[in-house]
Amino acid sequence: MGQTDLEPNTADSITQTHVSCRNCETEFEGMYCPACGQPVKAFDKPLKLYIGDLLGNMFAVDSRFWRTFTALFAKPGIWIAEYVGGRHIRYMPPFRLYFFVSAVFFLLLGYSGSRQIKDSFERMSVNKITPEAAKAGIADAGKRSILPEAALISDSVATNTTKPGININIKTRENDDQLNRRIGDILKSPEQYISRFFTYVSWSYFFLMPVLGFYLWLMFRSQRKYYIPHLFFSINQHTMLFIVMTLVLLAGMVFSDRQSSPETYLMWVMPVYAVIAARQFYRNRWGSLLVRLTVAFLMYMVTVFLATGFVFYLAFLF
């Protein structure tokens, strides 16, 4: 069989046995250059094929996916230790698995939130409660919620503003008007604000996962010196969290007419899973492991609380 050069604009050329690498000109057989590792693929092709390849790489479900998904439950912490140890081909990359699971969860969360908002407005219409009335009720409730002590302080400040040397600009009425306008905007298009909030939350986890990885590195750097293994373990924990939350969300959507929600007890799986996975991944003594893991997750929970408040501000008040 004669030797052929791979032409990048010829689709049939990638099926030839003997090719010459366009990067280092090494002659070889197969689909990857043994010298530089460049794959044998054509780049002069329609845009839709590139988009298909991109989506395929992001959402590819092959044997590695099922092997990784099974190991996530059956071997907590072990599979991520094996991946960090060099078994890359056997498992799906942790971030790709997280991206797939989180995308499914936030899609379901957005749908569930929109459906609950529609149900709420249907109940409001049945009870003849208009959004304007709801807005007025919220504003009136906010005014009635002012404590007597706060009212006395406000009166004292208003009295003292007449004294020389004191200049206090009170904008209570303007702030109330701005709050009422924002409440009115939210009630007019609640789905838009809820969707924005969920979008911001999903983005925030791309920044929160490295934060948990940093806290784990602070606590367990004597077991694993470098940061990246701790980041992979953080991605593993978030992946499992979103899987459990997806199951809880699906159960709530399917059995929405129940008085109780026993599926929420599934969330107790997470602390148990985290301890078992950390034990397998860090190989630390139980006492030291529990203390360090608790400190890391407490710091992370404070960070999540602050980040959620910031995201809420951006989504509803900014």
C-alpha atoms as a PDB file:
ATOM      1  CA  MET A   1       0.000   0.000   0.000  1.00  0.00           C
ATOM      2  CA  GLY A   2       1.415   3.383  -0.972  1.00  0.00           C
ATOM      3  CA  GLN A   3       2.179   6.176   1.481  1.00  0.00           C
ATOM      4  CA  THR A   4      -0.199   9.154   1.430  1.00  0.00           C
ATOM      5  CA  ASP A   5      -0.134  12.656   2.872  1.00  0.00           C
ATOM      6  CA  LEU A   6      -3.137  13.708   4.921  1.00  0.00           C
ATOM      7  CA  GLU A   7      -4.915  16.574   3.214  1.00  0.00           C
ATOM      8  CA  PRO A   8      -6.815  18.645   5.850  1.00  0.00           C
ATOM      9  CA  ASN A   9      -9.557  19.567   3.382  1.00  0.00           C
ATOM     10  CA  THR A  10     -10.204  15.992   2.278  1.00  0.00           C
ATOM     11  CA  ALA A  11     -12.639  14.133   4.501  1.00  0.00           C
ATOM     12  CA  ASP A  12     -11.767  10.744   3.003  1.00  0.00           C
ATOM     13  CA  SER A  13      -8.077  11.195   3.790  1.00  0.00           C
ATOM     14  CA  ILE A  14      -8.568  10.492   7.503  1.00  0.00           C
ATOM     15  CA  THR A  15      -9.500   6.921   6.599  1.00  0.00           C
ATOM     16  CA  GLN A  16      -6.116   6.241   5.002  1.00  0.00           C
ATOM     17  CA  THR A  17      -3.752   3.926   6.884  1.00  0.00           C
ATOM     18  CA  HIS A  18      -0.421   5.641   6.145  1.00  0.00           C
ATOM     19  CA  VAL A  19      -0.338   9.346   6.905  1.00  0.00           C
ATOM     20  CA  SER A  20       2.196  12.088   7.416  1.00  0.00           C
ATOM     21  CA  CYS A  21       1.740  14.317  10.470  1.00  0.00           C
ATOM     22  CA  ARG A  22       1.090  17.941   9.490  1.00  0.00           C
ATOM     23  CA  ASN A  23       2.734  19.141  12.707  1.00  0.00           C
ATOM     24  CA  CYS A  24       6.081  17.296  12.794  1.00  0.00           C
ATOM     25  CA  GLU A  25       5.978  15.427   9.435  1.00  0.00           C
ATOM     26  CA  THR A  26       6.403  12.041  11.091  1.00  0.00           C
ATOM     27  CA  GLU A  27       5.145   9.150   8.987  1.00  0.00           C
ATOM     28  CA  PHE A  28       2.921   6.730  10.891  1.00  0.00           C
ATOM     29  CA  GLU A  29      -0.144   4.505  10.843  1.00  0.00           C
ATOM     30  CA  GLY A  30      -3.232   5.190  12.940  1.00  0.00           C
ATOM     31  CA  MET A  31      -5.218   8.195  14.145  1.00  0.00           C
ATOM     32  CA  TYR A  32      -2.602   9.867  16.423  1.00  0.00           C
ATOM     33  CA  CYS A  33       0.966  10.884  15.730  1.00  0.00           C
ATOM     34  CA  PRO A  34       3.352   8.841  17.952  1.00  0.00           C
ATOM     35  CA  ALA A  35       5.904  11.688  18.006  1.00  0.00           C
ATOM     36  CA  CYS A  36       3.828  14.740  18.958  1.00  0.00           C
ATOM     37  CA  GLY A  37       0.397  13.270  19.724  1.00  0.00           C
ATOM     38  CA  GLN A  38      -1.532  15.379  17.217  1.00  0.00           C
ATOM     39  CA  PRO A  39      -4.753  13.632  16.127  1.00  0.00           C
ATOM     40  CA  VAL A  40      -5.522  12.904  12.504  1.00  0.00           C
ATOM     41  CA  LYS A  41      -8.503  15.093  11.789  1.00  0.00           C
ATOM     42  CA  ALA A  42      -9.584  17.544   9.106  1.00  0.00           C
ATOM     43  CA  PHE A  43     -10.080  21.189  10.106  1.00  0.00           C
ATOM     44  CA  ASP A  44     -11.441  22.560   6.837  1.00  0.00           C
ATOM     45  CA  LYS A  45     -15.063  21.591   7.506  1.00  0.00           C
ATOM     46  CA  PRO A  46     -18.450  23.295   8.092  1.00  0.00           C
ATOM     47  CA  LEU A  47     -19.121  25.174  11.334  1.00  0.00           C
ATOM     48  CA  LYS A  48     -21.984  22.841  12.289  1.00  0.00           C
ATOM     49  CA  LEU A  49     -19.529  19.950  12.521  1.00  0.00           C
ATOM     50  CA  TYR A  50     -17.378  21.939  14.965  1.00  0.00           C
ATOM     51  CA  ILE A  51     -20.456  22.711  17.065  1.00  0.00           C
ATOM     52  CA  GLY A  52     -21.395  19.040  17.029  1.00  0.00           C
ATOM     53  CA  ASP A  53     -17.893  18.052  18.164  1.00  0.00           C
ATOM     54  CA  LEU A  54     -18.013  20.641  20.958  1.00  0.00           C
ATOM     55  CA  LEU A  55     -21.381  19.451  22.253  1.00  0.00           C
ATOM     56  CA  GLY A  56     -20.259  15.866  21.904  1.00  0.00           C
ATOM     57  CA  ASN A  57     -17.159  16.510  24.001  1.00  0.00           C
ATOM     58  CA  MET A  58     -19.186  18.331  26.665  1.00  0.00           C
ATOM     59  CA  PHE A  59     -22.083  15.888  26.925  1.00  0.00           C
ATOM     60  CA  ALA A  60     -20.574  12.662  25.656  1.00  0.00           C
ATOM     61  CA  VAL A  61     -22.067   9.645  27.413  1.00  0.00           C
ATOM     62  CA  ASP A  62     -19.831   6.641  26.866  1.00  0.00           C
ATOM     63  CA  SER A  63     -18.488   3.768  28.917  1.00  0.00           C
ATOM     64  CA  ARG A  64     -16.308   6.155  30.899  1.00  0.00           C
ATOM     65  CA  PHE A  65     -19.383   8.110  31.978  1.00  0.00           C
ATOM     66  CA  TRP A  66     -21.155   5.064  33.363  1.00  0.00           C
ATOM     67  CA  ARG A  67     -17.962   3.776  34.974  1.00  0.00           C
ATOM     68  CA  THR A  68     -17.365   7.148  36.640  1.00  0.00           C
ATOM     69  CA  PHE A  69     -21.007   7.565  37.630  1.00  0.00           C
ATOM     70  CA  THR A  70     -21.018   4.117  39.245  1.00  0.00           C
ATOM     71  CA  ALA A  71     -17.711   4.733  41.020  1.00  0.00           C
ATOM     72  CA  LEU A  72     -19.058   8.027  42.371  1.00  0.00           C
ATOM     73  CA  PHE A  73     -21.569   6.023  44.457  1.00  0.00           C
ATOM     74  CA  ALA A  74     -19.798   2.680  44.920  1.00  0.00           C
ATOM     75  CA  LYS A  75     -16.268   3.979  45.597  1.00  0.00           C
ATOM     76  CA  PRO A  76     -16.523   7.399  47.330  1.00  0.00           C
ATOM     77  CA  GLY A  77     -13.175   9.134  47.166  1.00  0.00           C
ATOM     78  CA  ILE A  78     -11.428   6.122  45.641  1.00  0.00           C
ATOM     79  CA  TRP A  79     -12.142   6.917  42.004  1.00  0.00           C
ATOM     80  CA  ILE A  80     -10.993  10.526  42.386  1.00  0.00           C
ATOM     81  CA  ALA A  81      -7.810   9.280  44.092  1.00  0.00           C
ATOM     82  CA  GLU A  82      -7.238   6.916  41.182  1.00  0.00           C
ATOM     83  CA  TYR A  83      -7.844   9.736  38.695  1.00  0.00           C
ATOM     84  CA  VAL A  84      -5.375  11.997  40.501  1.00  0.00           C
ATOM     85  CA  GLY A  85      -2.956   9.057  40.618  1.00  0.00           C
ATOM     86  CA  GLY A  86      -2.893   8.841  36.822  1.00  0.00           C
ATOM     87  CA  ARG A  87      -5.811   6.642  35.684  1.00  0.00           C
ATOM     88  CA  HIS A  88      -7.232   9.298  33.346  1.00  0.00           C
ATOM     89  CA  ILE A  89      -8.513   7.103  30.529  1.00  0.00           C
ATOM     90  CA  ARG A  90     -10.569   4.877  32.819  1.00  0.00           C
ATOM     91  CA  TYR A  91     -12.702   7.723  34.209  1.00  0.00           C
ATOM     92  CA  MET A  92     -14.435  10.793  32.833  1.00  0.00           C
ATOM     93  CA  PRO A  93     -12.706  14.075  33.775  1.00  0.00           C
ATOM     94  CA  PRO A  94     -14.250  15.318  37.066  1.00  0.00           C
ATOM     95  CA  PHE A  95     -15.124  18.768  35.756  1.00  0.00           C
ATOM     96  CA  ARG A  96     -16.951  17.356  32.725  1.00  0.00           C
ATOM     97  CA  LEU A  97     -19.038  15.130  34.991  1.00  0.00           C
ATOM     98  CA  TYR A  98     -19.792  18.106  37.242  1.00  0.00           C
ATOM     99  CA  PHE A  99     -20.800  20.239  34.273  1.00  0.00           C
ATOM    100  CA  PHE A 100     -23.231  17.599  33.038  1.00  0.00           C
ATOM    101  CA  VAL A 101     -24.816  17.000  36.470  1.00  0.00           C
ATOM    102  CA  SER A 102     -25.070  20.697  37.392  1.00  0.00           C
ATOM    103  CA  ALA A 103     -26.611  21.553  34.021  1.00  0.00           C
ATOM    104  CA  VAL A 104     -29.358  18.967  34.568  1.00  0.00           C
ATOM    105  CA  PHE A 105     -29.973  20.190  38.130  1.00  0.00           C
ATOM    106  CA  PHE A 106     -30.252  23.889  37.304  1.00  0.00           C
ATOM    107  CA  LEU A 107     -32.506  23.180  34.329  1.00  0.00           C
ATOM    108  CA  LEU A 108     -34.863  21.264  36.608  1.00  0.00           C
ATOM    109  CA  LEU A 109     -34.571  23.929  39.299  1.00  0.00           C
ATOM    110  CA  GLY A 110     -35.486  26.673  36.854  1.00  0.00           C
ATOM    111  CA  TYR A 111     -38.467  24.704  35.575  1.00  0.00           C
ATOM    112  CA  SER A 112     -39.644  23.893  39.093  1.00  0.00           C
ATOM    113  CA  GLY A 113     -39.280  27.512  40.212  1.00  0.00           C
ATOM    114  CA  SER A 114     -41.249  28.798  37.215  1.00  0.00           C
ATOM    115  CA  ARG A 115     -44.014  26.264  37.823  1.00  0.00           C
ATOM    116  CA  GLN A 116     -44.284  27.219  41.500  1.00  0.00           C
ATOM    117  CA  ILE A 117     -44.517  30.897  40.572  1.00  0.00           C
ATOM    118  CA  LYS A 118     -47.329  30.166  38.118  1.00  0.00           C
ATOM    119  CA  ASP A 119     -49.165  28.138  40.748  1.00  0.00           C
ATOM    120  CA  SER A 120     -48.802  30.985  43.239  1.00  0.00           C
ATOM    121  CA  PHE A 121     -50.286  33.504  40.822  1.00  0.00           C
ATOM    122  CA  GLU A 122     -53.126  31.117  40.002  1.00  0.00           C
ATOM    123  CA  ARG A 123     -53.950  30.869  43.698  1.00  0.00           C
ATOM    124  CA  MET A 124     -53.777  34.653  43.950  1.00  0.00           C
ATOM    125  CA  SER A 125     -56.242  34.991  41.078  1.00  0.00           C
ATOM    126  CA  VAL A 126     -58.600  32.463  42.663  1.00  0.00           C
ATOM    127  CA  ASN A 127     -58.506  34.427  45.905  1.00  0.00           C
ATOM    128  CA  LYS A 128     -58.853  37.685  43.928  1.00  0.00           C
ATOM    129  CA  ILE A 129     -55.504  38.990  45.100  1.00  0.00           C
ATOM    130  CA  THR A 130     -53.859  41.157  42.463  1.00  0.00           C
ATOM    131  CA  PRO A 131     -50.118  41.763  42.261  1.00  0.00           C
ATOM    132  CA  GLU A 132     -50.809  45.423  43.124  1.00  0.00           C
ATOM    133  CA  ALA A 133     -52.629  44.358  46.274  1.00  0.00           C
ATOM    134  CA  ALA A 134     -49.832  41.979  47.161  1.00  0.00           C
ATOM    135  CA  LYS A 135     -47.311  44.756  46.682  1.00  0.00           C
ATOM    136  CA  ALA A 136     -49.326  47.104  48.880  1.00  0.00           C
ATOM    137  CA  GLY A 137     -49.640  44.385  51.517  1.00  0.00           C
ATOM    138  CA  ILE A 138     -45.897  43.760  51.520  1.00  0.00           C
ATOM    139  CA  ALA A 139     -45.152  47.449  51.819  1.00  0.00           C
ATOM    140  CA  ASP A 140     -47.735  47.886  54.593  1.00  0.00           C
ATOM    141  CA  ALA A 141     -46.343  44.869  56.432  1.00  0.00           C
ATOM    142  CA  GLY A 142     -42.892  46.365  56.162  1.00  0.00           C
ATOM    143  CA  LYS A 143     -44.099  49.592  57.722  1.00  0.00           C
ATOM    144  CA  ARG A 144     -45.872  47.763  60.547  1.00  0.00           C
ATOM    145  CA  SER A 145     -42.779  45.695  61.250  1.00  0.00           C
ATOM    146  CA  ILE A 146     -40.844  48.741  62.484  1.00  0.00           C
ATOM    147  CA  LEU A 147     -40.096  48.224  66.154  1.00  0.00           C
ATOM    148  CA  PRO A 148     -41.237  50.862  68.644  1.00  0.00           C
ATOM    149  CA  GLU A 149     -37.639  51.394  69.678  1.00  0.00           C
ATOM    150  CA  ALA A 150     -36.702  52.110  66.062  1.00  0.00           C
ATOM    151  CA  ALA A 151     -39.570  54.606  65.841  1.00  0.00           C
ATOM    152  CA  LEU A 152     -38.387  56.367  68.987  1.00  0.00           C
ATOM    153  CA  ILE A 153     -34.853  56.555  67.622  1.00  0.00           C
ATOM    154  CA  SER A 154     -36.195  57.983  64.371  1.00  0.00           C
ATOM    155  CA  ASP A 155     -38.159  60.642  66.291  1.00  0.00           C
ATOM    156  CA  SER A 156     -35.096  61.480  68.348  1.00  0.00           C
ATOM    157  CA  VAL A 157     -32.966  61.882  65.237  1.00  0.00           C
ATOM    158  CA  ALA A 158     -35.617  64.059  63.622  1.00  0.00           C
ATOM    159  CA  THR A 159     -35.700  66.258  66.743  1.00  0.00           C
ATOM    160  CA  ASN A 160     -31.927  66.545  66.981  1.00  0.00           C
ATOM    161  CA  THR A 161     -31.589  67.622  63.371  1.00  0.00           C
ATOM    162  CA  THR A 162     -32.831  71.061  64.422  1.00  0.00           C
ATOM    163  CA  LYS A 163     -29.885  71.583  66.781  1.00  0.00           C
ATOM    164  CA  PRO A 164     -26.861  73.566  65.567  1.00  0.00           C
ATOM    165  CA  GLY A 165     -23.986  71.572  64.202  1.00  0.00           C
ATOM    166  CA  ILE A 166     -26.111  68.472  63.332  1.00  0.00           C
ATOM    167  CA  ASN A 167     -27.076  67.886  59.712  1.00  0.00           C
ATOM    168  CA  ILE A 168     -28.668  64.471  59.126  1.00  0.00           C
ATOM    169  CA  ASN A 169     -30.312  63.834  55.781  1.00  0.00           C
ATOM    170  CA  ILE A 170     -33.199  61.399  56.259  1.00  0.00           C
ATOM    171  CA  LYS A 171     -34.322  59.598  53.095  1.00  0.00           C
ATOM    172  CA  THR A 172     -36.750  57.132  54.558  1.00  0.00           C
ATOM    173  CA  ARG A 173     -39.570  58.055  52.198  1.00  0.00           C
ATOM    174  CA  GLU A 174     -37.323  57.884  49.137  1.00  0.00           C
ATOM    175  CA  ASN A 175     -35.998  54.487  50.200  1.00  0.00           C
ATOM    176  CA  ASP A 176     -39.541  53.214  50.730  1.00  0.00           C
ATOM    177  CA  ASP A 177     -40.533  54.417  47.278  1.00  0.00           C
ATOM    178  CA  GLN A 178     -37.547  52.675  45.694  1.00  0.00           C
ATOM    179  CA  LEU A 179     -38.333  49.467  47.576  1.00  0.00           C
ATOM    180  CA  ASN A 180     -41.989  49.625  46.511  1.00  0.00           C
ATOM    181  CA  ARG A 181     -41.002  50.144  42.886  1.00  0.00           C
ATOM    182  CA  ARG A 182     -38.624  47.193  42.989  1.00  0.00           C
ATOM    183  CA  ILE A 183     -41.263  44.985  44.629  1.00  0.00           C
ATOM    184  CA  GLY A 184     -43.681  46.025  41.894  1.00  0.00           C
ATOM    185  CA  ASP A 185     -41.154  45.119  39.192  1.00  0.00           C
ATOM    186  CA  ILE A 186     -40.557  41.701  40.783  1.00  0.00           C
ATOM    187  CA  LEU A 187     -44.282  41.002  41.028  1.00  0.00           C
ATOM    188  CA  LYS A 188     -44.816  42.011  37.395  1.00  0.00           C
ATOM    189  CA  SER A 189     -42.168  39.620  36.083  1.00  0.00           C
ATOM    190  CA  PRO A 190     -41.164  37.207  38.865  1.00  0.00           C
ATOM    191  CA  GLU A 191     -39.970  34.528  36.454  1.00  0.00           C
ATOM    192  CA  GLN A 192     -37.369  36.905  35.057  1.00  0.00           C
ATOM    193  CA  TYR A 193     -35.911  37.624  38.508  1.00  0.00           C
ATOM    194  CA  ILE A 194     -36.037  33.995  39.627  1.00  0.00           C
ATOM    195  CA  SER A 195     -34.345  32.874  36.415  1.00  0.00           C
ATOM    196  CA  ARG A 196     -31.662  35.530  36.874  1.00  0.00           C
ATOM    197  CA  PHE A 197     -31.104  34.394  40.460  1.00  0.00           C
ATOM    198  CA  PHE A 198     -30.695  30.731  39.462  1.00  0.00           C
ATOM    199  CA  THR A 199     -28.350  31.713  36.637  1.00  0.00           C
ATOM    200  CA  TYR A 200     -26.146  33.715  38.985  1.00  0.00           C
ATOM    201  CA  VAL A 201     -26.156  30.890  41.528  1.00  0.00           C
ATOM    202  CA  SER A 202     -25.029  28.371  38.906  1.00  0.00           C
ATOM    203  CA  TRP A 203     -22.208  30.699  37.863  1.00  0.00           C
ATOM    204  CA  SER A 204     -21.175  31.312  41.451  1.00  0.00           C
ATOM    205  CA  TYR A 205     -20.350  27.637  41.983  1.00  0.00           C
ATOM    206  CA  PHE A 206     -17.608  27.853  39.382  1.00  0.00           C
ATOM    207  CA  PHE A 207     -15.917  30.223  41.843  1.00  0.00           C
ATOM    208  CA  LEU A 208     -17.025  28.447  45.028  1.00  0.00           C
ATOM    209  CA  MET A 209     -15.582  25.045  44.095  1.00  0.00           C
ATOM    210  CA  PRO A 210     -12.008  26.383  43.987  1.00  0.00           C
ATOM    211  CA  VAL A 211     -12.668  28.072  47.347  1.00  0.00           C
ATOM    212  CA  LEU A 212     -13.574  24.745  48.954  1.00  0.00           C
ATOM    213  CA  GLY A 213     -10.514  23.242  47.298  1.00  0.00           C
ATOM    214  CA  PHE A 214      -8.396  25.955  48.911  1.00  0.00           C
ATOM    215  CA  TYR A 215      -9.894  25.290  52.356  1.00  0.00           C
ATOM    216  CA  LEU A 216      -9.235  21.570  51.920  1.00  0.00           C
ATOM    217  CA  TRP A 217      -5.668  22.328  50.899  1.00  0.00           C
ATOM    218  CA  LEU A 218      -5.211  24.384  54.078  1.00  0.00           C
ATOM    219  CA  MET A 219      -6.473  21.510  56.216  1.00  0.00           C
ATOM    220  CA  PHE A 220      -4.931  18.534  54.384  1.00  0.00           C
ATOM    221  CA  ARG A 221      -1.811  19.868  52.674  1.00  0.00           C
ATOM    222  CA  SER A 222       0.314  17.507  54.762  1.00  0.00           C
ATOM    223  CA  GLN A 223      -1.442  14.570  53.071  1.00  0.00           C
ATOM    224  CA  ARG A 224      -1.479  16.058  49.551  1.00  0.00           C
ATOM    225  CA  LYS A 225       1.020  18.811  48.951  1.00  0.00           C
ATOM    226  CA  TYR A 226      -0.397  20.442  45.822  1.00  0.00           C
ATOM    227  CA  TYR A 227      -3.676  22.272  45.314  1.00  0.00           C
ATOM    228  CA  ILE A 228      -5.095  20.498  42.242  1.00  0.00           C
ATOM    229  CA  PRO A 229      -5.932  17.173  43.969  1.00  0.00           C
ATOM    230  CA  HIS A 230      -7.955  19.111  46.557  1.00  0.00           C
ATOM    231  CA  LEU A 231      -9.753  20.930  43.759  1.00  0.00           C
ATOM    232  CA  PHE A 232     -10.680  17.596  42.164  1.00  0.00           C
ATOM    233  CA  PHE A 233     -12.018  16.368  45.499  1.00  0.00           C
ATOM    234  CA  SER A 234     -14.081  19.564  45.805  1.00  0.00           C
ATOM    235  CA  ILE A 235     -15.520  18.985  42.327  1.00  0.00           C
ATOM    236  CA  ASN A 236     -16.371  15.423  43.344  1.00  0.00           C
ATOM    237  CA  GLN A 237     -18.273  16.655  46.424  1.00  0.00           C
ATOM    238  CA  HIS A 238     -20.240  19.243  44.452  1.00  0.00           C
ATOM    239  CA  THR A 239     -21.114  16.647  41.811  1.00  0.00           C
ATOM    240  CA  MET A 240     -22.536  14.320  44.442  1.00  0.00           C
ATOM    241  CA  LEU A 241     -24.390  17.229  46.079  1.00  0.00           C
ATOM    242  CA  PHE A 242     -26.135  18.162  42.835  1.00  0.00           C
ATOM    243  CA  ILE A 243     -27.055  14.526  42.160  1.00  0.00           C
ATOM    244  CA  VAL A 244     -28.731  14.254  45.568  1.00  0.00           C
ATOM    245  CA  MET A 245     -30.466  17.613  45.135  1.00  0.00           C
ATOM    246  CA  THR A 246     -31.667  16.528  41.683  1.00  0.00           C
ATOM    247  CA  LEU A 247     -33.243  13.402  43.191  1.00  0.00           C
ATOM    248  CA  VAL A 248     -34.928  15.507  45.886  1.00  0.00           C
ATOM    249  CA  LEU A 249     -36.178  17.956  43.280  1.00  0.00           C
ATOM    250  CA  LEU A 250     -37.536  15.217  41.008  1.00  0.00           C
ATOM    251  CA  ALA A 251     -39.362  13.551  43.902  1.00  0.00           C
ATOM    252  CA  GLY A 252     -40.927  16.876  44.832  1.00  0.00           C
ATOM    253  CA  MET A 253     -42.044  17.497  41.256  1.00  0.00           C
ATOM    254  CA  VAL A 254     -43.505  14.019  40.751  1.00  0.00           C
ATOM    255  CA  PHE A 255     -45.247  13.850  44.138  1.00  0.00           C
ATOM    256  CA  SER A 256     -46.203  17.492  44.494  1.00  0.00           C
ATOM    257  CA  ASP A 257     -49.562  16.880  46.219  1.00  0.00           C
ATOM    258  CA  ARG A 258     -48.150  15.361  49.392  1.00  0.00           C
ATOM    259  CA  GLN A 259     -48.296  17.042  52.790  1.00  0.00           C
ATOM    260  CA  SER A 260     -44.751  15.990  53.757  1.00  0.00           C
ATOM    261  CA  SER A 261     -41.476  15.665  51.883  1.00  0.00           C
ATOM    262  CA  PRO A 262     -39.545  12.659  53.217  1.00  0.00           C
ATOM    263  CA  GLU A 263     -37.125  12.857  50.288  1.00  0.00           C
ATOM    264  CA  THR A 264     -35.461  15.845  51.972  1.00  0.00           C
ATOM    265  CA  TYR A 265     -33.861  13.362  54.379  1.00  0.00           C
ATOM    266  CA  LEU A 266     -31.651  12.352  51.462  1.00  0.00           C
ATOM    267  CA  MET A 267     -29.628  15.493  52.163  1.00  0.00           C
ATOM    268  CA  TRP A 268     -28.253  13.731  55.258  1.00  0.00           C
ATOM    269  CA  VAL A 269     -26.400  11.479  52.837  1.00  0.00           C
ATOM    270  CA  MET A 270     -23.972  14.311  52.077  1.00  0.00           C
ATOM    271  CA  PRO A 271     -22.146  14.590  55.433  1.00  0.00           C
ATOM    272  CA  VAL A 272     -21.783  10.796  55.601  1.00  0.00           C
ATOM    273  CA  TYR A 273     -20.578  10.653  52.004  1.00  0.00           C
ATOM    274  CA  ALA A 274     -18.109  13.502  52.577  1.00  0.00           C
ATOM    275  CA  VAL A 275     -16.523  11.763  55.566  1.00  0.00           C
ATOM    276  CA  ILE A 276     -16.221   8.403  53.786  1.00  0.00           C
ATOM    277  CA  ALA A 277     -14.824  10.007  50.622  1.00  0.00           C
ATOM    278  CA  ALA A 278     -12.332  12.118  52.586  1.00  0.00           C
ATOM    279  CA  ARG A 279     -11.188   9.055  54.518  1.00  0.00           C
ATOM    280  CA  GLN A 280     -10.505   7.182  51.270  1.00  0.00           C
ATOM    281  CA  PHE A 281      -8.907  10.178  49.556  1.00  0.00           C
ATOM    282  CA  TYR A 282      -6.706  11.602  52.332  1.00  0.00           C
ATOM    283  CA  ARG A 283      -6.013   8.399  54.309  1.00  0.00           C
ATOM    284  CA  ASN A 284      -5.996  10.316  57.576  1.00  0.00           C
ATOM    285  CA  ARG A 285      -6.861   9.140  61.107  1.00  0.00           C
ATOM    286  CA  TRP A 286     -10.552   9.398  61.956  1.00  0.00           C
ATOM    287  CA  GLY A 287     -10.207  11.971  64.732  1.00  0.00           C
ATOM    288  CA  SER A 288      -7.932  14.309  62.817  1.00  0.00           C
ATOM    289  CA  LEU A 289      -9.984  13.785  59.654  1.00  0.00           C
ATOM    290  CA  LEU A 290     -13.276  14.787  61.294  1.00  0.00           C
ATOM    291  CA  VAL A 291     -11.808  17.913  62.884  1.00  0.00           C
ATOM    292  CA  ARG A 292     -10.087  19.136  59.730  1.00  0.00           C
ATOM    293  CA  LEU A 293     -13.017  18.311  57.490  1.00  0.00           C
ATOM    294  CA  THR A 294     -15.463  20.074  59.833  1.00  0.00           C
ATOM    295  CA  VAL A 295     -13.323  23.223  59.922  1.00  0.00           C
ATOM    296  CA  ALA A 296     -12.986  23.251  56.123  1.00  0.00           C
ATOM    297  CA  PHE A 297     -16.717  22.845  55.555  1.00  0.00           C
ATOM    298  CA  LEU A 298     -17.651  25.412  58.214  1.00  0.00           C
ATOM    299  CA  MET A 299     -15.436  27.980  56.489  1.00  0.00           C
ATOM    300  CA  TYR A 300     -17.000  26.994  53.198  1.00  0.00           C
ATOM    301  CA  MET A 301     -20.556  27.341  54.523  1.00  0.00           C
ATOM    302  CA  VAL A 302     -19.796  30.883  55.684  1.00  0.00           C
ATOM    303  CA  THR A 303     -18.441  31.641  52.218  1.00  0.00           C
ATOM    304  CA  VAL A 304     -21.539  30.149  50.557  1.00  0.00           C
ATOM    305  CA  PHE A 305     -23.800  32.202  52.845  1.00  0.00           C
ATOM    306  CA  LEU A 306     -22.011  35.440  51.928  1.00  0.00           C
ATOM    307  CA  ALA A 307     -21.937  34.540  48.240  1.00  0.00           C
ATOM    308  CA  THR A 308     -25.675  33.726  48.242  1.00  0.00           C
ATOM    309  CA  GLY A 309     -26.449  37.094  49.812  1.00  0.00           C
ATOM    310  CA  PHE A 310     -24.358  38.840  47.187  1.00  0.00           C
ATOM    311  CA  VAL A 311     -26.046  36.868  44.381  1.00  0.00           C
ATOM    312  CA  PHE A 312     -29.485  37.713  45.824  1.00  0.00           C
ATOM    313  CA  TYR A 313     -28.548  41.397  45.846  1.00  0.00           C
ATOM    314  CA  LEU A 314     -27.380  41.243  42.217  1.00  0.00           C
ATOM    315  CA  ALA A 315     -30.465  39.353  41.055  1.00  0.00           C
ATOM    316  CA  PHE A 316     -33.220  41.257  42.885  1.00  0.00           C
ATOM    317  CA  LEU A 317     -31.917  44.592  44.170  1.00  0.00           C
ATOM    318  CA  PHE A 318     -29.058  45.732  41.927  1.00  0.00           C
END
